[in-house]
Amino acid sequence: MDKAHSALLYRNLKPGDFITFGTYPQTADGKELEIKWRVLRNSGSELLVLSEYLLDCKRYHGKSADLMWRDCMEMTWRDCDLRKWLNDEFYNAAFHAAEKPLIKTTLCTDNGEDCPDTEDKVFLLSAAEIKELSEIHGKDLRRAVGTDFAKTIKPDGCSLYVYDKTNKDSYILVDGENVGCSWWWLRTQGNKPTRAFFVGIGCTIRSYGNNSINGYGVRPALKLNLSEVSHE
């Protein structure tokens, strides 16, 4: 996309619109495709965007395939493996050199009681943010399905859980077919230092996700700096 076109596109986007930006493996065999982002806010100077799909499956903290949900440990968003992965491996894999200058460094608060603020290029939404944004976009914002790549079993043992029971709020219509949603992490520490908030059954926001559990999805968010988009 040339700079003039991207300037016109980005500056006129409204909440609920979609853009593609960056690439990431999305098929079962790992083929890279453009990432689809939902615009959550346009302040005039920046866009807040959220991946429409769960792009991967990761623990909040922990990398070993031998980890069980009982192996969770006290961990803040600042120090967890998922934050490190988002801002290193994912950031460098998903965005090329011309795209990175558009990604703003975001001050992330609401990381949990006694949890320090962070500055991130890529982050997860907080519990407070998803509640506030759901009031604007509706509860459907919380429903998400993973890519085929996210559902594959990873070397660390993670694979995305897909809902297959009776709660109708846990399904989403995709190409005319009801597809079971998956749960996805929020960055806020949960009701114990060993847990994290997540979006769960029936679009609920839950506080008890053991941070070593392996079935939850990753739905990245970021801010695009519109001042970096050329006016040409």
C-alpha atoms as a PDB file:
ATOM      1  CA  MET A   1       0.000   0.000   0.000  1.00  0.00           C
ATOM      2  CA  ASP A   2       1.458   3.406  -0.936  1.00  0.00           C
ATOM      3  CA  LYS A   3       1.710   6.155   1.681  1.00  0.00           C
ATOM      4  CA  ALA A   4      -0.942   8.395   0.159  1.00  0.00           C
ATOM      5  CA  HIS A   5      -3.460   5.572   0.079  1.00  0.00           C
ATOM      6  CA  SER A   6      -2.667   4.450   3.621  1.00  0.00           C
ATOM      7  CA  ALA A   7      -3.013   8.035   4.899  1.00  0.00           C
ATOM      8  CA  LEU A   8      -6.490   8.365   3.393  1.00  0.00           C
ATOM      9  CA  LEU A   9      -7.536   4.911   4.584  1.00  0.00           C
ATOM     10  CA  TYR A  10      -6.314   5.149   8.168  1.00  0.00           C
ATOM     11  CA  ARG A  11      -7.458   8.693   8.905  1.00  0.00           C
ATOM     12  CA  ASN A  12     -11.044   8.002   7.794  1.00  0.00           C
ATOM     13  CA  LEU A  13     -11.513   4.756   9.685  1.00  0.00           C
ATOM     14  CA  LYS A  14     -14.361   4.504  12.174  1.00  0.00           C
ATOM     15  CA  PRO A  15     -14.855   2.160  15.143  1.00  0.00           C
ATOM     16  CA  GLY A  16     -15.997  -1.188  13.816  1.00  0.00           C
ATOM     17  CA  ASP A  17     -14.128  -0.856  10.525  1.00  0.00           C
ATOM     18  CA  PHE A  18     -11.444  -3.363   9.552  1.00  0.00           C
ATOM     19  CA  ILE A  19      -7.941  -3.061   8.152  1.00  0.00           C
ATOM     20  CA  THR A  20      -5.194  -5.497   7.263  1.00  0.00           C
ATOM     21  CA  PHE A  21      -1.750  -4.799   8.641  1.00  0.00           C
ATOM     22  CA  GLY A  22       1.173  -7.166   9.002  1.00  0.00           C
ATOM     23  CA  THR A  23       1.215 -10.908   8.312  1.00  0.00           C
ATOM     24  CA  TYR A  24       1.291 -14.032  10.475  1.00  0.00           C
ATOM     25  CA  PRO A  25       0.870 -17.799   9.941  1.00  0.00           C
ATOM     26  CA  GLN A  26      -2.846 -18.561   9.865  1.00  0.00           C
ATOM     27  CA  THR A  27      -3.333 -21.899   8.102  1.00  0.00           C
ATOM     28  CA  ALA A  28      -2.768 -25.359   9.523  1.00  0.00           C
ATOM     29  CA  ASP A  29       0.424 -25.665   7.477  1.00  0.00           C
ATOM     30  CA  GLY A  30       1.702 -22.267   8.610  1.00  0.00           C
ATOM     31  CA  LYS A  31       1.044 -20.121   5.548  1.00  0.00           C
ATOM     32  CA  GLU A  32       1.400 -16.419   6.324  1.00  0.00           C
ATOM     33  CA  LEU A  33      -1.639 -14.264   5.588  1.00  0.00           C
ATOM     34  CA  GLU A  34      -2.492 -10.626   6.229  1.00  0.00           C
ATOM     35  CA  ILE A  35      -3.695  -9.934   9.765  1.00  0.00           C
ATOM     36  CA  LYS A  36      -7.232  -8.554  10.009  1.00  0.00           C
ATOM     37  CA  TRP A  37      -7.680  -5.866  12.670  1.00  0.00           C
ATOM     38  CA  ARG A  38     -10.865  -4.346  14.058  1.00  0.00           C
ATOM     39  CA  VAL A  39     -10.728  -0.610  14.736  1.00  0.00           C
ATOM     40  CA  LEU A  40     -11.808   0.063  18.321  1.00  0.00           C
ATOM     41  CA  ARG A  41     -11.057   3.793  18.499  1.00  0.00           C
ATOM     42  CA  ASN A  42      -9.875   6.585  16.199  1.00  0.00           C
ATOM     43  CA  SER A  43      -8.759   9.633  18.183  1.00  0.00           C
ATOM     44  CA  GLY A  44      -7.604  11.495  15.094  1.00  0.00           C
ATOM     45  CA  SER A  45      -3.977  10.978  16.084  1.00  0.00           C
ATOM     46  CA  GLU A  46      -3.997   7.233  16.687  1.00  0.00           C
ATOM     47  CA  LEU A  47      -5.974   4.069  16.039  1.00  0.00           C
ATOM     48  CA  LEU A  48      -6.563   1.408  18.664  1.00  0.00           C
ATOM     49  CA  VAL A  49      -6.953  -1.902  16.847  1.00  0.00           C
ATOM     50  CA  LEU A  50      -7.586  -5.484  17.953  1.00  0.00           C
ATOM     51  CA  SER A  51      -6.896  -8.638  15.976  1.00  0.00           C
ATOM     52  CA  GLU A  52     -10.188 -10.024  14.731  1.00  0.00           C
ATOM     53  CA  TYR A  53      -8.944 -13.594  15.215  1.00  0.00           C
ATOM     54  CA  LEU A  54      -6.980 -15.393  17.877  1.00  0.00           C
ATOM     55  CA  LEU A  55      -3.639 -15.631  16.119  1.00  0.00           C
ATOM     56  CA  ASP A  56      -1.893 -18.117  18.374  1.00  0.00           C
ATOM     57  CA  CYS A  57      -2.217 -20.174  21.524  1.00  0.00           C
ATOM     58  CA  LYS A  58       0.156 -19.414  24.398  1.00  0.00           C
ATOM     59  CA  ARG A  59       0.334 -19.715  28.140  1.00  0.00           C
ATOM     60  CA  TYR A  60       0.280 -16.443  30.034  1.00  0.00           C
ATOM     61  CA  HIS A  61       3.531 -17.676  31.549  1.00  0.00           C
ATOM     62  CA  GLY A  62       5.578 -20.794  30.967  1.00  0.00           C
ATOM     63  CA  LYS A  63       7.096 -22.484  27.926  1.00  0.00           C
ATOM     64  CA  SER A  64       7.511 -26.136  28.833  1.00  0.00           C
ATOM     65  CA  ALA A  65       5.285 -28.787  27.293  1.00  0.00           C
ATOM     66  CA  ASP A  66       5.328 -30.526  30.666  1.00  0.00           C
ATOM     67  CA  LEU A  67       3.590 -27.674  32.487  1.00  0.00           C
ATOM     68  CA  MET A  68       0.163 -28.385  33.934  1.00  0.00           C
ATOM     69  CA  TRP A  69      -2.453 -25.889  35.033  1.00  0.00           C
ATOM     70  CA  ARG A  70      -1.469 -26.565  38.648  1.00  0.00           C
ATOM     71  CA  ASP A  71       2.071 -25.351  37.897  1.00  0.00           C
ATOM     72  CA  CYS A  72       1.019 -21.707  37.741  1.00  0.00           C
ATOM     73  CA  MET A  73       3.226 -19.227  39.608  1.00  0.00           C
ATOM     74  CA  GLU A  74       2.974 -15.670  40.838  1.00  0.00           C
ATOM     75  CA  MET A  75       3.570 -13.437  37.834  1.00  0.00           C
ATOM     76  CA  THR A  76       2.825  -9.900  36.685  1.00  0.00           C
ATOM     77  CA  TRP A  77       2.016  -8.796  33.139  1.00  0.00           C
ATOM     78  CA  ARG A  78       5.334  -6.931  33.101  1.00  0.00           C
ATOM     79  CA  ASP A  79       7.339 -10.104  33.664  1.00  0.00           C
ATOM     80  CA  CYS A  80       5.233 -12.793  31.984  1.00  0.00           C
ATOM     81  CA  ASP A  81       6.404 -14.788  28.976  1.00  0.00           C
ATOM     82  CA  LEU A  82       3.384 -13.793  26.913  1.00  0.00           C
ATOM     83  CA  ARG A  83       4.237 -10.084  27.070  1.00  0.00           C
ATOM     84  CA  LYS A  84       7.839 -10.846  26.095  1.00  0.00           C
ATOM     85  CA  TRP A  85       6.671 -12.989  23.185  1.00  0.00           C
ATOM     86  CA  LEU A  86       4.267 -10.342  21.881  1.00  0.00           C
ATOM     87  CA  ASN A  87       6.871  -7.589  21.928  1.00  0.00           C
ATOM     88  CA  ASP A  88       9.721  -9.656  20.518  1.00  0.00           C
ATOM     89  CA  GLU A  89       8.926 -12.778  18.515  1.00  0.00           C
ATOM     90  CA  PHE A  90       5.445 -11.781  17.374  1.00  0.00           C
ATOM     91  CA  TYR A  91       6.346  -8.133  16.740  1.00  0.00           C
ATOM     92  CA  ASN A  92       9.338  -9.062  14.599  1.00  0.00           C
ATOM     93  CA  ALA A  93       7.560 -11.879  12.774  1.00  0.00           C
ATOM     94  CA  ALA A  94       4.348  -9.970  11.989  1.00  0.00           C
ATOM     95  CA  PHE A  95       5.615  -6.529  10.935  1.00  0.00           C
ATOM     96  CA  HIS A  96       8.264  -5.525   8.432  1.00  0.00           C
ATOM     97  CA  ALA A  97      10.571  -2.545   8.674  1.00  0.00           C
ATOM     98  CA  ALA A  98       8.194  -0.136   6.905  1.00  0.00           C
ATOM     99  CA  GLU A  99       5.291  -1.055   9.227  1.00  0.00           C
ATOM    100  CA  LYS A 100       7.051  -0.858  12.588  1.00  0.00           C
ATOM    101  CA  PRO A 101       7.328   2.985  12.678  1.00  0.00           C
ATOM    102  CA  LEU A 102       3.494   3.178  12.570  1.00  0.00           C
ATOM    103  CA  ILE A 103       3.171   1.135  15.767  1.00  0.00           C
ATOM    104  CA  LYS A 104       3.011   3.388  18.790  1.00  0.00           C
ATOM    105  CA  THR A 105       4.505   2.568  22.178  1.00  0.00           C
ATOM    106  CA  THR A 106       1.496   2.313  24.497  1.00  0.00           C
ATOM    107  CA  LEU A 107       1.424   2.900  28.236  1.00  0.00           C
ATOM    108  CA  CYS A 108      -0.475  -0.067  29.662  1.00  0.00           C
ATOM    109  CA  THR A 109      -2.149   0.399  33.034  1.00  0.00           C
ATOM    110  CA  ASP A 110      -4.800  -1.742  34.764  1.00  0.00           C
ATOM    111  CA  ASN A 111      -2.314  -4.611  34.853  1.00  0.00           C
ATOM    112  CA  GLY A 112      -3.535  -5.834  38.245  1.00  0.00           C
ATOM    113  CA  GLU A 113      -3.260  -4.911  41.886  1.00  0.00           C
ATOM    114  CA  ASP A 114       0.327  -3.877  42.722  1.00  0.00           C
ATOM    115  CA  CYS A 115       1.361  -4.724  39.149  1.00  0.00           C
ATOM    116  CA  PRO A 116       3.533  -2.062  37.499  1.00  0.00           C
ATOM    117  CA  ASP A 117       2.546  -0.153  34.376  1.00  0.00           C
ATOM    118  CA  THR A 118       4.310  -1.165  31.179  1.00  0.00           C
ATOM    119  CA  GLU A 119       5.193   0.342  27.813  1.00  0.00           C
ATOM    120  CA  ASP A 120       4.395  -2.028  24.957  1.00  0.00           C
ATOM    121  CA  LYS A 121       4.340  -2.077  21.187  1.00  0.00           C
ATOM    122  CA  VAL A 122       1.912  -5.012  21.214  1.00  0.00           C
ATOM    123  CA  PHE A 123      -0.300  -5.834  24.174  1.00  0.00           C
ATOM    124  CA  LEU A 124      -3.434  -7.593  25.338  1.00  0.00           C
ATOM    125  CA  LEU A 125      -6.536  -5.674  26.339  1.00  0.00           C
ATOM    126  CA  SER A 126      -7.088  -5.226  30.067  1.00  0.00           C
ATOM    127  CA  ALA A 127     -10.191  -6.287  31.967  1.00  0.00           C
ATOM    128  CA  ALA A 128     -11.304  -2.655  32.262  1.00  0.00           C
ATOM    129  CA  GLU A 129     -10.711  -1.986  28.570  1.00  0.00           C
ATOM    130  CA  ILE A 130     -12.752  -4.934  27.326  1.00  0.00           C
ATOM    131  CA  LYS A 131     -15.634  -3.939  29.620  1.00  0.00           C
ATOM    132  CA  GLU A 132     -15.557  -0.335  28.381  1.00  0.00           C
ATOM    133  CA  LEU A 133     -15.157  -1.301  24.728  1.00  0.00           C
ATOM    134  CA  SER A 134     -17.990  -3.845  24.983  1.00  0.00           C
ATOM    135  CA  GLU A 135     -20.319  -0.986  25.919  1.00  0.00           C
ATOM    136  CA  ILE A 136     -19.358   0.740  22.663  1.00  0.00           C
ATOM    137  CA  HIS A 137     -19.116  -2.242  20.303  1.00  0.00           C
ATOM    138  CA  GLY A 138     -21.478  -4.685  22.000  1.00  0.00           C
ATOM    139  CA  LYS A 139     -20.855  -8.011  23.670  1.00  0.00           C
ATOM    140  CA  ASP A 140     -20.076  -9.607  20.309  1.00  0.00           C
ATOM    141  CA  LEU A 141     -16.651  -7.966  20.519  1.00  0.00           C
ATOM    142  CA  ARG A 142     -15.752 -10.621  23.077  1.00  0.00           C
ATOM    143  CA  ARG A 143     -16.562 -13.536  20.783  1.00  0.00           C
ATOM    144  CA  ALA A 144     -13.522 -14.778  18.898  1.00  0.00           C
ATOM    145  CA  VAL A 145     -12.379 -17.809  16.988  1.00  0.00           C
ATOM    146  CA  GLY A 146      -8.841 -18.905  16.350  1.00  0.00           C
ATOM    147  CA  THR A 147      -7.068 -19.397  13.065  1.00  0.00           C
ATOM    148  CA  ASP A 148      -6.283 -22.911  11.956  1.00  0.00           C
ATOM    149  CA  PHE A 149      -2.675 -22.200  12.903  1.00  0.00           C
ATOM    150  CA  ALA A 150      -3.709 -21.257  16.449  1.00  0.00           C
ATOM    151  CA  LYS A 151      -5.474 -24.616  16.751  1.00  0.00           C
ATOM    152  CA  THR A 152      -2.416 -26.679  15.841  1.00  0.00           C
ATOM    153  CA  ILE A 153      -0.376 -28.272  18.622  1.00  0.00           C
ATOM    154  CA  LYS A 154       2.758 -26.209  19.295  1.00  0.00           C
ATOM    155  CA  PRO A 155       6.164 -27.451  20.533  1.00  0.00           C
ATOM    156  CA  ASP A 156       5.304 -26.113  24.006  1.00  0.00           C
ATOM    157  CA  GLY A 157       2.204 -28.314  24.089  1.00  0.00           C
ATOM    158  CA  CYS A 158      -0.292 -25.485  23.570  1.00  0.00           C
ATOM    159  CA  SER A 159      -3.317 -25.903  21.321  1.00  0.00           C
ATOM    160  CA  LEU A 160      -6.440 -23.799  21.269  1.00  0.00           C
ATOM    161  CA  TYR A 161      -9.535 -25.090  23.065  1.00  0.00           C
ATOM    162  CA  VAL A 162     -12.670 -24.720  20.903  1.00  0.00           C
ATOM    163  CA  TYR A 163     -16.052 -24.634  22.628  1.00  0.00           C
ATOM    164  CA  ASP A 164     -18.373 -27.518  21.689  1.00  0.00           C
ATOM    165  CA  LYS A 165     -21.124 -27.486  24.319  1.00  0.00           C
ATOM    166  CA  THR A 166     -24.582 -25.917  24.687  1.00  0.00           C
ATOM    167  CA  ASN A 167     -24.098 -22.234  25.605  1.00  0.00           C
ATOM    168  CA  LYS A 168     -25.323 -20.374  22.516  1.00  0.00           C
ATOM    169  CA  ASP A 169     -23.397 -17.239  23.469  1.00  0.00           C
ATOM    170  CA  SER A 170     -20.193 -19.219  22.960  1.00  0.00           C
ATOM    171  CA  TYR A 171     -20.709 -19.606  19.213  1.00  0.00           C
ATOM    172  CA  ILE A 172     -20.127 -17.206  16.362  1.00  0.00           C
ATOM    173  CA  LEU A 173     -21.428 -17.257  12.797  1.00  0.00           C
ATOM    174  CA  VAL A 174     -18.598 -17.745  10.290  1.00  0.00           C
ATOM    175  CA  ASP A 175     -19.474 -18.114   6.603  1.00  0.00           C
ATOM    176  CA  GLY A 176     -23.010 -19.143   7.535  1.00  0.00           C
ATOM    177  CA  GLU A 177     -21.898 -21.792  10.027  1.00  0.00           C
ATOM    178  CA  ASN A 178     -21.975 -21.698  13.832  1.00  0.00           C
ATOM    179  CA  VAL A 179     -18.419 -22.116  15.078  1.00  0.00           C
ATOM    180  CA  GLY A 180     -17.393 -22.592  18.686  1.00  0.00           C
ATOM    181  CA  CYS A 181     -15.475 -19.694  20.190  1.00  0.00           C
ATOM    182  CA  SER A 182     -12.246 -19.969  22.135  1.00  0.00           C
ATOM    183  CA  TRP A 183     -11.164 -18.257  25.324  1.00  0.00           C
ATOM    184  CA  TRP A 184      -8.532 -15.538  25.159  1.00  0.00           C
ATOM    185  CA  TRP A 185      -6.197 -13.878  27.597  1.00  0.00           C
ATOM    186  CA  LEU A 186      -6.473 -10.371  28.983  1.00  0.00           C
ATOM    187  CA  ARG A 187      -3.375  -8.798  30.463  1.00  0.00           C
ATOM    188  CA  THR A 188      -4.755  -8.000  33.935  1.00  0.00           C
ATOM    189  CA  GLN A 189      -3.571 -10.209  36.785  1.00  0.00           C
ATOM    190  CA  GLY A 190      -6.451 -12.247  38.169  1.00  0.00           C
ATOM    191  CA  ASN A 191      -7.971 -12.813  41.574  1.00  0.00           C
ATOM    192  CA  LYS A 192      -4.692 -14.352  42.733  1.00  0.00           C
ATOM    193  CA  PRO A 193      -1.096 -13.511  41.710  1.00  0.00           C
ATOM    194  CA  THR A 194      -0.958 -16.907  39.950  1.00  0.00           C
ATOM    195  CA  ARG A 195      -3.939 -16.127  37.715  1.00  0.00           C
ATOM    196  CA  ALA A 196      -4.951 -13.813  34.902  1.00  0.00           C
ATOM    197  CA  PHE A 197      -8.199 -12.429  33.528  1.00  0.00           C
ATOM    198  CA  PHE A 198      -9.586 -13.955  30.342  1.00  0.00           C
ATOM    199  CA  VAL A 199     -12.706 -13.880  28.171  1.00  0.00           C
ATOM    200  CA  GLY A 200     -14.556 -17.114  28.782  1.00  0.00           C
ATOM    201  CA  ILE A 201     -17.877 -18.911  28.439  1.00  0.00           C
ATOM    202  CA  GLY A 202     -20.743 -16.840  27.068  1.00  0.00           C
ATOM    203  CA  CYS A 203     -18.538 -13.771  26.485  1.00  0.00           C
ATOM    204  CA  THR A 204     -17.942 -13.422  30.221  1.00  0.00           C
ATOM    205  CA  ILE A 205     -14.871 -11.747  31.700  1.00  0.00           C
ATOM    206  CA  ARG A 206     -13.294 -14.090  34.214  1.00  0.00           C
ATOM    207  CA  SER A 207     -10.522 -13.577  36.741  1.00  0.00           C
ATOM    208  CA  TYR A 208      -9.302 -17.074  37.569  1.00  0.00           C
ATOM    209  CA  GLY A 209      -7.258 -18.295  34.608  1.00  0.00           C
ATOM    210  CA  ASN A 210      -4.272 -20.218  35.970  1.00  0.00           C
ATOM    211  CA  ASN A 211      -1.419 -18.568  34.134  1.00  0.00           C
ATOM    212  CA  SER A 212       0.181 -21.878  33.108  1.00  0.00           C
ATOM    213  CA  ILE A 213      -2.943 -23.243  31.395  1.00  0.00           C
ATOM    214  CA  ASN A 214      -2.354 -24.037  27.723  1.00  0.00           C
ATOM    215  CA  GLY A 215      -5.692 -23.761  25.889  1.00  0.00           C
ATOM    216  CA  TYR A 216      -6.293 -20.008  25.726  1.00  0.00           C
ATOM    217  CA  GLY A 217      -5.804 -17.829  22.669  1.00  0.00           C
ATOM    218  CA  VAL A 218      -3.792 -14.687  22.001  1.00  0.00           C
ATOM    219  CA  ARG A 219      -5.665 -11.715  20.530  1.00  0.00           C
ATOM    220  CA  PRO A 220      -3.085  -8.934  20.088  1.00  0.00           C
ATOM    221  CA  ALA A 221      -3.899  -5.244  20.253  1.00  0.00           C
ATOM    222  CA  LEU A 222      -1.830  -2.216  19.279  1.00  0.00           C
ATOM    223  CA  LYS A 223      -2.029   1.477  18.481  1.00  0.00           C
ATOM    224  CA  LEU A 224      -1.177   2.931  15.092  1.00  0.00           C
ATOM    225  CA  ASN A 225       0.317   6.419  15.191  1.00  0.00           C
ATOM    226  CA  LEU A 226      -1.465   8.450  12.518  1.00  0.00           C
ATOM    227  CA  SER A 227       1.169  11.187  12.703  1.00  0.00           C
ATOM    228  CA  GLU A 228       3.554   8.673  11.153  1.00  0.00           C
ATOM    229  CA  VAL A 229       1.234   8.166   8.178  1.00  0.00           C
ATOM    230  CA  SER A 230       2.284  10.380   5.290  1.00  0.00           C
ATOM    231  CA  HIS A 231      -0.021  13.173   4.084  1.00  0.00           C
ATOM    232  CA  GLU A 232       1.317  12.855   0.541  1.00  0.00           C
END
